[in-house]
C-alpha atoms as a PDB file:
ATOM      1  CA  MET A   1     -27.517  -6.850  11.059  1.00  0.00           C
ATOM      2  CA  ASN A   2     -26.640  -8.218   8.303  1.00  0.00           C
ATOM      3  CA  GLU A   3     -23.988  -9.027   5.951  1.00  0.00           C
ATOM      4  CA  THR A   4     -24.975  -5.332   3.307  1.00  0.00           C
ATOM      5  CA  GLU A   5     -24.891  -3.689   6.765  1.00  0.00           C
ATOM      6  CA  PHE A   6     -21.240  -4.948   7.735  1.00  0.00           C
ATOM      7  CA  PHE A   7     -19.662  -4.427   4.114  1.00  0.00           C
ATOM      8  CA  LYS A   8     -21.479  -1.423   3.575  1.00  0.00           C
ATOM      9  CA  ALA A   9     -20.153   0.551   6.590  1.00  0.00           C
ATOM     10  CA  LEU A  10     -16.340  -1.440   5.428  1.00  0.00           C
ATOM     11  CA  ALA A  11     -16.656  -0.344   2.373  1.00  0.00           C
ATOM     12  CA  ASP A  12     -15.636   4.168   3.126  1.00  0.00           C
ATOM     13  CA  PRO A  13     -11.884   3.818   3.547  1.00  0.00           C
ATOM     14  CA  THR A  14     -12.351   7.024   6.732  1.00  0.00           C
ATOM     15  CA  ARG A  15     -14.886   4.178   8.328  1.00  0.00           C
ATOM     16  CA  ARG A  16     -12.024   0.964   6.946  1.00  0.00           C
ATOM     17  CA  ALA A  17      -9.504   2.980   9.374  1.00  0.00           C
ATOM     18  CA  VAL A  18     -11.389   4.077  12.293  1.00  0.00           C
ATOM     19  CA  PHE A  19     -12.117   0.552  12.713  1.00  0.00           C
ATOM     20  CA  GLU A  20      -8.445  -0.758  12.354  1.00  0.00           C
ATOM     21  CA  ARG A  21      -7.037   1.983  14.329  1.00  0.00           C
ATOM     22  CA  LEU A  22      -9.678   0.299  17.479  1.00  0.00           C
ATOM     23  CA  ALA A  23      -7.771  -2.593  16.755  1.00  0.00           C
ATOM     24  CA  ASP A  24      -5.428  -1.505  18.881  1.00  0.00           C
ATOM     25  CA  GLY A  25      -7.498  -0.734  21.629  1.00  0.00           C
ATOM     26  CA  GLU A  26     -10.632   1.372  22.980  1.00  0.00           C
ATOM     27  CA  MET A  27     -10.053   5.099  21.901  1.00  0.00           C
ATOM     28  CA  ASN A  28     -12.992   8.321  22.691  1.00  0.00           C
ATOM     29  CA  ALA A  29     -14.202  10.037  19.234  1.00  0.00           C
ATOM     30  CA  THR A  30     -11.075  13.244  19.653  1.00  0.00           C
ATOM     31  CA  ALA A  31      -7.985   9.962  19.445  1.00  0.00           C
ATOM     32  CA  LEU A  32      -9.991   8.436  16.547  1.00  0.00           C
ATOM     33  CA  ARG A  33      -9.711  11.667  14.966  1.00  0.00           C
ATOM     34  CA  GLN A  34      -6.716  12.326  14.970  1.00  0.00           C
ATOM     35  CA  GLY A  35      -4.952  11.659  11.820  1.00  0.00           C
ATOM     36  CA  PHE A  36      -7.734  13.132   9.261  1.00  0.00           C
ATOM     37  CA  ALA A  37      -9.194  16.069   8.226  1.00  0.00           C
ATOM     38  CA  MET A  38     -12.752  16.521   9.182  1.00  0.00           C
ATOM     39  CA  SER A  39     -14.832  17.799  11.635  1.00  0.00           C
ATOM     40  CA  GLN A  40     -15.971  15.906  14.902  1.00  0.00           C
ATOM     41  CA  PRO A  41     -19.341  15.821  13.660  1.00  0.00           C
ATOM     42  CA  ALA A  42     -18.091  14.096  10.752  1.00  0.00           C
ATOM     43  CA  ILE A  43     -16.137  11.180  12.727  1.00  0.00           C
ATOM     44  CA  SER A  44     -19.408  10.744  14.985  1.00  0.00           C
ATOM     45  CA  GLN A  45     -21.090   9.972  11.124  1.00  0.00           C
ATOM     46  CA  HIS A  46     -18.856   7.730  10.951  1.00  0.00           C
ATOM     47  CA  LEU A  47     -19.151   5.890  14.132  1.00  0.00           C
ATOM     48  CA  ALA A  48     -22.807   5.829  13.910  1.00  0.00           C
ATOM     49  CA  VAL A  49     -22.254   3.535  10.776  1.00  0.00           C
ATOM     50  CA  LEU A  50     -19.895   1.325  12.299  1.00  0.00           C
ATOM     51  CA  ARG A  51     -22.021   0.610  15.202  1.00  0.00           C
ATOM     52  CA  SER A  52     -24.996   1.018  13.423  1.00  0.00           C
ATOM     53  CA  ALA A  53     -23.351  -1.921  11.672  1.00  0.00           C
ATOM     54  CA  GLY A  54     -22.940  -4.044  14.422  1.00  0.00           C
ATOM     55  CA  LEU A  55     -19.087  -3.295  13.987  1.00  0.00           C
ATOM     56  CA  ILE A  56     -17.807  -1.465  17.289  1.00  0.00           C
ATOM     57  CA  ALA A  57     -19.820  -1.100  21.100  1.00  0.00           C
ATOM     58  CA  GLU A  58     -19.343   2.259  22.894  1.00  0.00           C
ATOM     59  CA  GLN A  59     -19.282   2.813  26.805  1.00  0.00           C
ATOM     60  CA  LYS A  60     -19.521   5.607  28.062  1.00  0.00           C
ATOM     61  CA  LEU A  61     -16.940   7.101  30.657  1.00  0.00           C
ATOM     62  CA  GLY A  62     -17.984  10.245  32.524  1.00  0.00           C
ATOM     63  CA  ARG A  63     -18.049  12.610  29.769  1.00  0.00           C
ATOM     64  CA  ASN A  64     -16.244  10.761  27.695  1.00  0.00           C
ATOM     65  CA  VAL A  65     -17.501   8.120  25.258  1.00  0.00           C
ATOM     66  CA  MET A  66     -14.980   5.005  24.127  1.00  0.00           C
ATOM     67  CA  TYR A  67     -15.406   3.219  21.202  1.00  0.00           C
ATOM     68  CA  ARG A  68     -14.129   0.296  20.862  1.00  0.00           C
ATOM     69  CA  ILE A  69     -14.643  -3.011  18.672  1.00  0.00           C
ATOM     70  CA  ASN A  70     -17.337  -5.067  19.399  1.00  0.00           C
ATOM     71  CA  PRO A  71     -16.679  -8.674  19.043  1.00  0.00           C
ATOM     72  CA  ASP A  72     -20.042 -10.330  18.550  1.00  0.00           C
ATOM     73  CA  GLY A  73     -19.788  -8.422  15.311  1.00  0.00           C
ATOM     74  CA  ILE A  74     -16.300  -9.965  14.527  1.00  0.00           C
ATOM     75  CA  ALA A  75     -17.762 -12.968  14.332  1.00  0.00           C
ATOM     76  CA  ARG A  76     -20.595 -13.035  11.941  1.00  0.00           C
ATOM     77  CA  MET A  77     -18.190 -11.140   9.482  1.00  0.00           C
ATOM     78  CA  HIS A  78     -15.788 -14.215  10.286  1.00  0.00           C
ATOM     79  CA  GLN A  79     -19.006 -16.876  10.089  1.00  0.00           C
ATOM     80  CA  TRP A  80     -20.303 -15.517   6.653  1.00  0.00           C
ATOM     81  CA  LEU A  81     -16.411 -15.012   5.302  1.00  0.00           C
ATOM     82  CA  SER A  82     -16.356 -18.929   6.507  1.00  0.00           C
ATOM     83  CA  ARG A  83     -18.664 -20.308   4.474  1.00  0.00           C
ATOM     84  CA  TYR A  84     -17.147 -19.228   1.345  1.00  0.00           C
ATOM     85  CA  HIS A  85     -13.552 -20.457   2.575  1.00  0.00           C
ATOM     86  CA  ALA A  86     -13.754 -24.163   1.579  1.00  0.00           C
ATOM     87  CA  PHE A  87     -14.105 -22.441  -2.148  1.00  0.00           C
ATOM     88  CA  TRP A  88     -10.730 -21.415  -2.017  1.00  0.00           C
ATOM     89  CA  PRO A  89      -8.361 -24.242  -1.348  1.00  0.00           C
ATOM     90  CA  LYS A  90     -10.017 -26.529  -4.485  1.00  0.00           C
ATOM     91  CA  ARG A  91      -9.450 -23.616  -6.239  1.00  0.00           C
ATOM     92  CA  VAL A  92      -5.616 -23.407  -5.151  1.00  0.00           C
ATOM     93  CA  ASP A  93      -4.652 -27.298  -6.610  1.00  0.00           C
ATOM     94  CA  GLU A  94      -6.406 -26.763  -9.591  1.00  0.00           C
ATOM     95  CA  LEU A  95      -4.452 -23.433 -10.099  1.00  0.00           C
ATOM     96  CA  ARG A  96      -1.582 -25.060 -10.100  1.00  0.00           C
ATOM     97  CA  GLN A  97      -1.874 -28.384 -11.334  1.00  0.00           C
ATOM     98  CA  LEU A  98      -2.878 -26.331 -14.506  1.00  0.00           C
ATOM     99  CA  LEU A  99       0.452 -24.315 -13.673  1.00  0.00           C
ATOM    100  CA  LYS A 100       1.690 -27.123 -13.612  1.00  0.00           C
ATOM    101  CA  GLU A 101       0.644 -28.590 -17.218  1.00  0.00           C
ATOM    102  CA  MET A 102       1.741 -25.487 -18.231  1.00  0.00           C
ATOM    103  CA  ASP A 103       5.288 -25.712 -17.628  1.00  0.00           C
ATOM    104  CA  GLN A 104       5.499 -29.171 -19.472  1.00  0.00           C
END
Protein backbone atom coordinates (compact mmCIF):
# COMPACT_ATOMS: atom_id res chain seq x y z
CA MET A 1 0.00 0.00 0.00
CA ASN A 2 1.24 3.48 -0.81
CA GLU A 3 -0.03 6.97 -0.09
CA THR A 4 -1.67 7.30 -3.49
CA GLU A 5 -3.87 4.28 -2.84
CA PHE A 6 -5.35 5.48 0.43
CA PHE A 7 -5.94 9.00 -0.86
CA LYS A 8 -7.56 7.64 -4.02
CA ALA A 9 -9.72 5.35 -1.90
CA LEU A 10 -10.89 8.21 0.31
CA ALA A 11 -11.39 10.63 -2.60
CA ASP A 12 -14.79 9.10 -3.29
CA PRO A 13 -17.50 10.56 -1.00
CA THR A 14 -19.30 7.23 -0.66
CA ARG A 15 -16.13 5.44 0.42
CA ARG A 16 -15.39 8.22 2.91
CA ALA A 17 -18.89 7.82 4.34
CA VAL A 18 -18.46 4.04 4.60
CA PHE A 19 -15.06 4.54 6.24
CA GLU A 20 -16.57 7.02 8.73
CA ARG A 21 -19.33 4.54 9.60
CA LEU A 22 -16.70 1.95 10.39
CA ALA A 23 -15.15 4.41 12.84
CA ASP A 24 -18.22 3.69 15.00
CA GLY A 25 -17.41 -0.02 15.04
CA GLU A 26 -17.37 -3.25 13.12
CA MET A 27 -20.23 -3.86 10.64
CA ASN A 28 -21.25 -6.19 7.86
CA ALA A 29 -21.91 -4.99 4.30
CA THR A 30 -25.69 -5.01 4.77
CA ALA A 31 -25.47 -2.66 7.76
CA LEU A 32 -22.98 -0.45 5.93
CA ARG A 33 -25.30 -0.19 2.91
CA GLN A 34 -28.21 1.18 4.95
CA GLY A 35 -28.95 4.77 4.00
CA PHE A 36 -27.20 4.51 0.65
CA ALA A 37 -29.13 4.15 -2.60
CA MET A 38 -26.89 1.42 -3.98
CA SER A 39 -26.88 -2.29 -4.57
CA GLN A 40 -25.01 -4.89 -2.55
CA PRO A 41 -22.47 -5.40 -5.38
CA ALA A 42 -21.80 -1.64 -5.45
CA ILE A 43 -21.10 -1.48 -1.71
CA SER A 44 -18.90 -4.57 -2.10
CA GLN A 45 -16.86 -2.75 -4.74
CA HIS A 46 -16.35 0.22 -2.44
CA LEU A 47 -15.29 -2.12 0.36
CA ALA A 48 -12.83 -3.84 -1.98
CA VAL A 49 -11.18 -0.51 -2.81
CA LEU A 50 -10.89 0.42 0.87
CA ARG A 51 -9.54 -3.04 1.67
CA SER A 52 -6.94 -2.96 -1.13
CA ALA A 53 -5.78 0.45 0.11
CA GLY A 54 -5.21 -1.15 3.52
CA LEU A 55 -7.75 1.09 5.26
CA ILE A 56 -10.16 -1.65 6.32
CA ALA A 57 -9.91 -5.30 7.22
CA GLU A 58 -12.45 -8.07 7.04
CA GLN A 59 -13.17 -11.12 9.15
CA LYS A 60 -15.51 -13.97 8.25
CA LEU A 61 -17.88 -14.98 11.02
CA GLY A 62 -19.96 -17.88 9.79
CA ARG A 63 -21.92 -16.62 6.78
CA ASN A 64 -21.20 -12.97 7.54
CA VAL A 65 -18.17 -10.89 6.71
CA MET A 66 -17.47 -8.17 9.25
CA TYR A 67 -15.53 -5.06 8.27
CA ARG A 68 -13.52 -2.80 10.54
CA ILE A 69 -10.96 -0.06 10.24
CA ASN A 70 -7.43 -1.40 9.87
CA PRO A 71 -5.22 0.35 12.47
CA ASP A 72 -2.11 -0.29 10.36
CA GLY A 73 -3.65 1.58 7.42
CA ILE A 74 -4.57 4.50 9.63
CA ALA A 75 -1.05 4.53 11.10
CA ARG A 76 0.48 4.77 7.62
CA MET A 77 -1.85 7.62 6.69
CA HIS A 78 -1.05 9.39 9.97
CA GLN A 79 2.67 8.88 9.40
CA TRP A 80 2.43 10.45 5.94
CA LEU A 81 0.38 13.41 7.19
CA SER A 82 2.60 14.02 10.21
CA ARG A 83 5.53 14.85 7.92
CA TYR A 84 3.63 17.99 6.93
CA HIS A 85 2.49 18.92 10.42
CA ALA A 86 5.78 20.72 11.08
CA PHE A 87 5.00 23.31 8.38
CA TRP A 88 1.79 24.63 9.95
CA PRO A 89 2.94 26.25 13.21
CA LYS A 90 5.49 28.40 11.38
CA ARG A 91 2.94 29.43 8.74
CA VAL A 92 0.32 30.27 11.34
CA ASP A 93 2.87 32.38 13.22
CA GLU A 94 3.80 34.17 9.97
CA LEU A 95 0.12 34.80 9.21
CA ARG A 96 -0.44 36.08 12.75
CA GLN A 97 2.51 38.47 12.34
CA LEU A 98 1.26 39.67 8.95
CA LEU A 99 -2.22 40.35 10.33
CA LYS A 100 -0.72 42.20 13.28
CA GLU A 101 1.31 44.39 10.91
CA MET A 102 -1.76 45.06 8.76
CA ASP A 103 -3.71 46.23 11.81
CA GLN A 104 -1.07 48.83 12.65
